[in-house]
Amino acid sequence: RGERKIDFTHLPSQCTIRIFTLAGKLVKKIEHNTPYTNGAESWNLVSDDGMDIAYGVYVFHVKAPGVGQKIGKFAVIK
């Protein structure tokens, strides 16, 4: 079936990605820091607690200093 991961693309060189459940619980915080613009960051679907995430809908928040922020949703399905 392949590797379980989600790729965040078209990121600015520095930003913070936070992933939440629909209930608002923080699942994962990812610091993206690279010299390249339009970069990408992969997430292996493991929470900050070291557990595989459950199937469902999640909200992501990307915040980049001097650039702004973006909020979106994604679904993890079986």
PDB file of N, CA and C in Angstrom:
ATOM      1  N   ARG A   1       0.815  -1.201   0.000  1.00  0.00           N
ATOM      2  CA  ARG A   1       0.000   0.000   0.000  1.00  0.00           C
ATOM      3  C   ARG A   1       0.845   1.246   0.000  1.00  0.00           C
ATOM      4  N   GLY A   2       2.101   1.131   0.329  1.00  0.00           N
ATOM      5  CA  GLY A   2       2.971   2.300   0.301  1.00  0.00           C
ATOM      6  C   GLY A   2       3.074   2.991   1.642  1.00  0.00           C
ATOM      7  N   GLU A   3       3.894   3.985   1.659  1.00  0.00           N
ATOM      8  CA  GLU A   3       4.149   4.753   2.874  1.00  0.00           C
ATOM      9  C   GLU A   3       2.962   5.644   3.215  1.00  0.00           C
ATOM     10  N   ARG A   4       2.622   5.707   4.502  1.00  0.00           N
ATOM     11  CA  ARG A   4       1.548   6.598   4.959  1.00  0.00           C
ATOM     12  C   ARG A   4       2.147   7.970   5.204  1.00  0.00           C
ATOM     13  N   LYS A   5       1.743   8.946   4.387  1.00  0.00           N
ATOM     14  CA  LYS A   5       2.236  10.307   4.579  1.00  0.00           C
ATOM     15  C   LYS A   5       1.349  11.291   3.849  1.00  0.00           C
ATOM     16  N   ILE A   6       1.463  12.529   4.285  1.00  0.00           N
ATOM     17  CA  ILE A   6       0.810  13.655   3.625  1.00  0.00           C
ATOM     18  C   ILE A   6       1.904  14.671   3.325  1.00  0.00           C
ATOM     19  N   ASP A   7       1.859  15.237   2.131  1.00  0.00           N
ATOM     20  CA  ASP A   7       2.820  16.261   1.736  1.00  0.00           C
ATOM     21  C   ASP A   7       2.142  17.626   1.723  1.00  0.00           C
ATOM     22  N   PHE A   8       2.723  18.571   2.416  1.00  0.00           N
ATOM     23  CA  PHE A   8       2.310  19.969   2.343  1.00  0.00           C
ATOM     24  C   PHE A   8       3.245  20.625   1.333  1.00  0.00           C
ATOM     25  N   THR A   9       2.680  21.217   0.282  1.00  0.00           N
ATOM     26  CA  THR A   9       3.495  21.776  -0.793  1.00  0.00           C
ATOM     27  C   THR A   9       3.302  23.289  -0.903  1.00  0.00           C
ATOM     28  N   HIS A  10       4.157  23.908  -1.702  1.00  0.00           N
ATOM     29  CA  HIS A  10       4.124  25.351  -1.960  1.00  0.00           C
ATOM     30  C   HIS A  10       4.254  26.158  -0.672  1.00  0.00           C
ATOM     31  N   LEU A  11       5.141  25.711   0.201  1.00  0.00           N
ATOM     32  CA  LEU A  11       5.355  26.391   1.476  1.00  0.00           C
ATOM     33  C   LEU A  11       6.411  27.473   1.344  1.00  0.00           C
ATOM     34  N   PRO A  12       6.303  28.544   2.114  1.00  0.00           N
ATOM     35  CA  PRO A  12       7.386  29.521   2.163  1.00  0.00           C
ATOM     36  C   PRO A  12       8.593  28.895   2.868  1.00  0.00           C
ATOM     37  N   SER A  13       9.723  29.570   2.816  1.00  0.00           N
ATOM     38  CA  SER A  13      10.942  28.970   3.359  1.00  0.00           C
ATOM     39  C   SER A  13      10.872  28.727   4.862  1.00  0.00           C
ATOM     40  N   GLN A  14      10.136  29.555   5.600  1.00  0.00           N
ATOM     41  CA  GLN A  14       9.974  29.348   7.040  1.00  0.00           C
ATOM     42  C   GLN A  14       8.495  29.440   7.397  1.00  0.00           C
ATOM     43  N   CYS A  15       8.003  28.429   8.074  1.00  0.00           N
ATOM     44  CA  CYS A  15       6.615  28.452   8.535  1.00  0.00           C
ATOM     45  C   CYS A  15       6.411  27.379   9.596  1.00  0.00           C
ATOM     46  N   THR A  16       5.286  27.482  10.273  1.00  0.00           N
ATOM     47  CA  THR A  16       4.878  26.490  11.264  1.00  0.00           C
ATOM     48  C   THR A  16       3.559  25.895  10.810  1.00  0.00           C
ATOM     49  N   ILE A  17       3.504  24.559  10.779  1.00  0.00           N
ATOM     50  CA  ILE A  17       2.282  23.840  10.408  1.00  0.00           C
ATOM     51  C   ILE A  17       1.740  23.197  11.675  1.00  0.00           C
ATOM     52  N   ARG A  18       0.486  23.470  11.978  1.00  0.00           N
ATOM     53  CA  ARG A  18      -0.183  22.836  13.116  1.00  0.00           C
ATOM     54  C   ARG A  18      -1.373  22.055  12.581  1.00  0.00           C
ATOM     55  N   ILE A  19      -1.539  20.837  13.083  1.00  0.00           N
ATOM     56  CA  ILE A  19      -2.622  19.967  12.647  1.00  0.00           C
ATOM     57  C   ILE A  19      -3.501  19.672  13.856  1.00  0.00           C
ATOM     58  N   PHE A  20      -4.806  19.867  13.673  1.00  0.00           N
ATOM     59  CA  PHE A  20      -5.781  19.719  14.755  1.00  0.00           C
ATOM     60  C   PHE A  20      -6.859  18.719  14.358  1.00  0.00           C
ATOM     61  N   THR A  21      -7.489  18.107  15.369  1.00  0.00           N
ATOM     62  CA  THR A  21      -8.717  17.355  15.127  1.00  0.00           C
ATOM     63  C   THR A  21      -9.843  18.372  14.953  1.00  0.00           C
ATOM     64  N   LEU A  22     -11.004  17.911  14.517  1.00  0.00           N
ATOM     65  CA  LEU A  22     -12.146  18.816  14.395  1.00  0.00           C
ATOM     66  C   LEU A  22     -12.596  19.343  15.747  1.00  0.00           C
ATOM     67  N   ALA A  23     -12.276  18.625  16.811  1.00  0.00           N
ATOM     68  CA  ALA A  23     -12.605  19.074  18.164  1.00  0.00           C
ATOM     69  C   ALA A  23     -11.627  20.125  18.672  1.00  0.00           C
ATOM     70  N   GLY A  24     -10.575  20.398  17.916  1.00  0.00           N
ATOM     71  CA  GLY A  24      -9.633  21.442  18.286  1.00  0.00           C
ATOM     72  C   GLY A  24      -8.399  20.960  19.031  1.00  0.00           C
ATOM     73  N   LYS A  25      -8.190  19.655  19.156  1.00  0.00           N
ATOM     74  CA  LYS A  25      -7.020  19.124  19.850  1.00  0.00           C
ATOM     75  C   LYS A  25      -5.813  19.145  18.914  1.00  0.00           C
ATOM     76  N   LEU A  26      -4.708  19.707  19.392  1.00  0.00           N
ATOM     77  CA  LEU A  26      -3.481  19.746  18.597  1.00  0.00           C
ATOM     78  C   LEU A  26      -2.926  18.336  18.466  1.00  0.00           C
ATOM     79  N   VAL A  27      -2.729  17.911  17.228  1.00  0.00           N
ATOM     80  CA  VAL A  27      -2.222  16.571  16.942  1.00  0.00           C
ATOM     81  C   VAL A  27      -0.726  16.615  16.662  1.00  0.00           C
ATOM     82  N   LYS A  28      -0.297  17.594  15.858  1.00  0.00           N
ATOM     83  CA  LYS A  28       1.098  17.658  15.434  1.00  0.00           C
ATOM     84  C   LYS A  28       1.494  19.096  15.141  1.00  0.00           C
ATOM     85  N   LYS A  29       2.715  19.448  15.519  1.00  0.00           N
ATOM     86  CA  LYS A  29       3.293  20.745  15.181  1.00  0.00           C
ATOM     87  C   LYS A  29       4.573  20.475  14.403  1.00  0.00           C
ATOM     88  N   ILE A  30       4.667  21.064  13.219  1.00  0.00           N
ATOM     89  CA  ILE A  30       5.819  20.859  12.342  1.00  0.00           C
ATOM     90  C   ILE A  30       6.446  22.212  12.048  1.00  0.00           C
ATOM     91  N   GLU A  31       7.727  22.333  12.317  1.00  0.00           N
ATOM     92  CA  GLU A  31       8.482  23.541  11.974  1.00  0.00           C
ATOM     93  C   GLU A  31       9.152  23.297  10.627  1.00  0.00           C
ATOM     94  N   HIS A  32       8.788  24.099   9.636  1.00  0.00           N
ATOM     95  CA  HIS A  32       9.377  23.990   8.293  1.00  0.00           C
ATOM     96  C   HIS A  32      10.397  25.104   8.142  1.00  0.00           C
ATOM     97  N   ASN A  33      11.627  24.748   7.870  1.00  0.00           N
ATOM     98  CA  ASN A  33      12.700  25.731   7.717  1.00  0.00           C
ATOM     99  C   ASN A  33      13.657  25.240   6.643  1.00  0.00           C
ATOM    100  N   THR A  34      13.617  25.874   5.495  1.00  0.00           N
ATOM    101  CA  THR A  34      14.463  25.487   4.378  1.00  0.00           C
ATOM    102  C   THR A  34      14.824  26.738   3.596  1.00  0.00           C
ATOM    103  N   PRO A  35      15.965  26.758   2.923  1.00  0.00           N
ATOM    104  CA  PRO A  35      16.328  27.942   2.141  1.00  0.00           C
ATOM    105  C   PRO A  35      15.543  28.076   0.839  1.00  0.00           C
ATOM    106  N   TYR A  36      14.730  27.091   0.501  1.00  0.00           N
ATOM    107  CA  TYR A  36      14.009  27.097  -0.770  1.00  0.00           C
ATOM    108  C   TYR A  36      12.582  27.598  -0.596  1.00  0.00           C
ATOM    109  N   THR A  37      12.114  28.407  -1.537  1.00  0.00           N
ATOM    110  CA  THR A  37      10.694  28.766  -1.562  1.00  0.00           C
ATOM    111  C   THR A  37       9.966  27.691  -2.363  1.00  0.00           C
ATOM    112  N   ASN A  38       8.660  27.662  -2.266  1.00  0.00           N
ATOM    113  CA  ASN A  38       7.855  26.596  -2.880  1.00  0.00           C
ATOM    114  C   ASN A  38       8.306  25.231  -2.400  1.00  0.00           C
ATOM    115  N   GLY A  39       8.694  25.172  -1.147  1.00  0.00           N
ATOM    116  CA  GLY A  39       9.170  23.927  -0.567  1.00  0.00           C
ATOM    117  C   GLY A  39       8.036  22.994  -0.210  1.00  0.00           C
ATOM    118  N   ALA A  40       8.407  21.843   0.253  1.00  0.00           N
ATOM    119  CA  ALA A  40       7.438  20.830   0.667  1.00  0.00           C
ATOM    120  C   ALA A  40       7.879  20.245   1.999  1.00  0.00           C
ATOM    121  N   GLU A  41       6.899  19.782   2.745  1.00  0.00           N
ATOM    122  CA  GLU A  41       7.151  19.135   4.033  1.00  0.00           C
ATOM    123  C   GLU A  41       6.259  17.902   4.103  1.00  0.00           C
ATOM    124  N   SER A  42       6.838  16.763   4.417  1.00  0.00           N
ATOM    125  CA  SER A  42       6.083  15.519   4.543  1.00  0.00           C
ATOM    126  C   SER A  42       5.777  15.250   6.010  1.00  0.00           C
ATOM    127  N   TRP A  43       4.631  14.622   6.246  1.00  0.00           N
ATOM    128  CA  TRP A  43       4.243  14.205   7.591  1.00  0.00           C
ATOM    129  C   TRP A  43       3.847  12.744   7.520  1.00  0.00           C
ATOM    130  N   ASN A  44       4.390  11.937   8.414  1.00  0.00           N
ATOM    131  CA  ASN A  44       4.169  10.492   8.400  1.00  0.00           C
ATOM    132  C   ASN A  44       2.901  10.045   9.130  1.00  0.00           C
ATOM    133  N   LEU A  45       2.007  10.949   9.441  1.00  0.00           N
ATOM    134  CA  LEU A  45       0.721  10.684  10.087  1.00  0.00           C
ATOM    135  C   LEU A  45       0.877  10.116  11.498  1.00  0.00           C
ATOM    136  N   VAL A  46       1.972  10.502  12.159  1.00  0.00           N
ATOM    137  CA  VAL A  46       2.201  10.132  13.554  1.00  0.00           C
ATOM    138  C   VAL A  46       2.087  11.408  14.384  1.00  0.00           C
ATOM    139  N   SER A  47       1.322  11.344  15.476  1.00  0.00           N
ATOM    140  CA  SER A  47       1.090  12.515  16.315  1.00  0.00           C
ATOM    141  C   SER A  47       2.330  12.864  17.134  1.00  0.00           C
ATOM    142  N   ASP A  48       2.291  14.012  17.797  1.00  0.00           N
ATOM    143  CA  ASP A  48       3.381  14.409  18.694  1.00  0.00           C
ATOM    144  C   ASP A  48       3.536  13.421  19.847  1.00  0.00           C
ATOM    145  N   ASP A  49       2.477  12.661  20.151  1.00  0.00           N
ATOM    146  CA  ASP A  49       2.524  11.646  21.212  1.00  0.00           C
ATOM    147  C   ASP A  49       3.136  10.329  20.741  1.00  0.00           C
ATOM    148  N   GLY A  50       3.476  10.244  19.449  1.00  0.00           N
ATOM    149  CA  GLY A  50       4.077   9.028  18.906  1.00  0.00           C
ATOM    150  C   GLY A  50       3.075   7.976  18.455  1.00  0.00           C
ATOM    151  N   MET A  51       1.809   8.354  18.342  1.00  0.00           N
ATOM    152  CA  MET A  51       0.757   7.410  17.950  1.00  0.00           C
ATOM    153  C   MET A  51       0.330   7.674  16.499  1.00  0.00           C
ATOM    154  N   ASP A  52      -0.033   6.592  15.773  1.00  0.00           N
ATOM    155  CA  ASP A  52      -0.618   6.755  14.448  1.00  0.00           C
ATOM    156  C   ASP A  52      -1.962   7.449  14.605  1.00  0.00           C
ATOM    157  N   ILE A  53      -2.259   8.394  13.712  1.00  0.00           N
ATOM    158  CA  ILE A  53      -3.520   9.111  13.820  1.00  0.00           C
ATOM    159  C   ILE A  53      -4.674   8.240  13.342  1.00  0.00           C
ATOM    160  N   ALA A  54      -5.873   8.547  13.812  1.00  0.00           N
ATOM    161  CA  ALA A  54      -7.084   7.825  13.417  1.00  0.00           C
ATOM    162  C   ALA A  54      -7.595   8.371  12.091  1.00  0.00           C
ATOM    163  N   TYR A  55      -8.413   7.584  11.430  1.00  0.00           N
ATOM    164  CA  TYR A  55      -9.070   8.050  10.216  1.00  0.00           C
ATOM    165  C   TYR A  55     -10.061   9.138  10.571  1.00  0.00           C
ATOM    166  N   GLY A  56     -10.193  10.128   9.707  1.00  0.00           N
ATOM    167  CA  GLY A  56     -11.136  11.205   9.957  1.00  0.00           C
ATOM    168  C   GLY A  56     -10.719  12.482   9.272  1.00  0.00           C
ATOM    169  N   VAL A  57     -11.349  13.579   9.651  1.00  0.00           N
ATOM    170  CA  VAL A  57     -11.090  14.891   9.066  1.00  0.00           C
ATOM    171  C   VAL A  57     -10.231  15.697  10.036  1.00  0.00           C
ATOM    172  N   TYR A  58      -9.243  16.367   9.502  1.00  0.00           N
ATOM    173  CA  TYR A  58      -8.314  17.172  10.289  1.00  0.00           C
ATOM    174  C   TYR A  58      -8.233  18.580   9.702  1.00  0.00           C
ATOM    175  N   VAL A  59      -7.857  19.524  10.531  1.00  0.00           N
ATOM    176  CA  VAL A  59      -7.675  20.922  10.123  1.00  0.00           C
ATOM    177  C   VAL A  59      -6.202  21.249  10.243  1.00  0.00           C
ATOM    178  N   PHE A  60      -5.661  21.929   9.214  1.00  0.00           N
ATOM    179  CA  PHE A  60      -4.274  22.377   9.309  1.00  0.00           C
ATOM    180  C   PHE A  60      -4.220  23.897   9.291  1.00  0.00           C
ATOM    181  N   HIS A  61      -3.222  24.429   9.960  1.00  0.00           N
ATOM    182  CA  HIS A  61      -3.000  25.872  10.028  1.00  0.00           C
ATOM    183  C   HIS A  61      -1.527  26.112   9.735  1.00  0.00           C
ATOM    184  N   VAL A  62      -1.247  26.862   8.677  1.00  0.00           N
ATOM    185  CA  VAL A  62       0.129  27.210   8.313  1.00  0.00           C
ATOM    186  C   VAL A  62       0.315  28.690   8.596  1.00  0.00           C
ATOM    187  N   LYS A  63       1.322  29.017   9.390  1.00  0.00           N
ATOM    188  CA  LYS A  63       1.608  30.408   9.722  1.00  0.00           C
ATOM    189  C   LYS A  63       3.056  30.706   9.359  1.00  0.00           C
ATOM    190  N   ALA A  64       3.238  31.736   8.520  1.00  0.00           N
ATOM    191  CA  ALA A  64       4.572  32.127   8.071  1.00  0.00           C
ATOM    192  C   ALA A  64       4.826  33.575   8.448  1.00  0.00           C
ATOM    193  N   PRO A  65       5.908  33.845   9.180  1.00  0.00           N
ATOM    194  CA  PRO A  65       6.203  35.226   9.567  1.00  0.00           C
ATOM    195  C   PRO A  65       6.422  36.117   8.336  1.00  0.00           C
ATOM    196  N   GLY A  66       5.744  37.249   8.330  1.00  0.00           N
ATOM    197  CA  GLY A  66       5.885  38.189   7.229  1.00  0.00           C
ATOM    198  C   GLY A  66       5.112  37.821   5.978  1.00  0.00           C
ATOM    199  N   VAL A  67       4.486  36.649   5.959  1.00  0.00           N
ATOM    200  CA  VAL A  67       3.744  36.195   4.777  1.00  0.00           C
ATOM    201  C   VAL A  67       2.257  36.122   5.070  1.00  0.00           C
ATOM    202  N   GLY A  68       1.896  35.471   6.179  1.00  0.00           N
ATOM    203  CA  GLY A  68       0.487  35.335   6.539  1.00  0.00           C
ATOM    204  C   GLY A  68       0.186  33.940   7.025  1.00  0.00           C
ATOM    205  N   GLN A  69      -1.087  33.568   6.899  1.00  0.00           N
ATOM    206  CA  GLN A  69      -1.506  32.257   7.368  1.00  0.00           C
ATOM    207  C   GLN A  69      -2.523  31.648   6.425  1.00  0.00           C
ATOM    208  N   LYS A  70      -2.666  30.330   6.526  1.00  0.00           N
ATOM    209  CA  LYS A  70      -3.620  29.582   5.691  1.00  0.00           C
ATOM    210  C   LYS A  70      -4.228  28.481   6.554  1.00  0.00           C
ATOM    211  N   ILE A  71      -5.532  28.306   6.453  1.00  0.00           N
ATOM    212  CA  ILE A  71      -6.235  27.250   7.165  1.00  0.00           C
ATOM    213  C   ILE A  71      -6.925  26.378   6.132  1.00  0.00           C
ATOM    214  N   GLY A  72      -6.854  25.078   6.335  1.00  0.00           N
ATOM    215  CA  GLY A  72      -7.493  24.148   5.410  1.00  0.00           C
ATOM    216  C   GLY A  72      -7.858  22.859   6.110  1.00  0.00           C
ATOM    217  N   LYS A  73      -8.467  21.942   5.371  1.00  0.00           N
ATOM    218  CA  LYS A  73      -8.878  20.644   5.897  1.00  0.00           C
ATOM    219  C   LYS A  73      -8.348  19.545   4.997  1.00  0.00           C
ATOM    220  N   PHE A  74      -8.184  18.364   5.587  1.00  0.00           N
ATOM    221  CA  PHE A  74      -7.903  17.170   4.807  1.00  0.00           C
ATOM    222  C   PHE A  74      -8.526  15.989   5.530  1.00  0.00           C
ATOM    223  N   ALA A  75      -8.748  14.915   4.777  1.00  0.00           N
ATOM    224  CA  ALA A  75      -9.343  13.702   5.342  1.00  0.00           C
ATOM    225  C   ALA A  75      -8.362  12.558   5.203  1.00  0.00           C
ATOM    226  N   VAL A  76      -8.322  11.719   6.217  1.00  0.00           N
ATOM    227  CA  VAL A  76      -7.540  10.490   6.196  1.00  0.00           C
ATOM    228  C   VAL A  76      -8.560   9.356   6.128  1.00  0.00           C
ATOM    229  N   ILE A  77      -8.520   8.571   5.038  1.00  0.00           N
ATOM    230  CA  ILE A  77      -9.498   7.506   4.868  1.00  0.00           C
ATOM    231  C   ILE A  77      -8.787   6.171   4.746  1.00  0.00           C
ATOM    232  N   LYS A  78      -9.528   5.138   4.988  1.00  0.00           N
ATOM    233  CA  LYS A  78      -8.965   3.784   4.920  1.00  0.00           C
ATOM    234  C   LYS A  78      -9.076   3.250   3.529  1.00  0.00           C
TER     235      LYS A  78
END
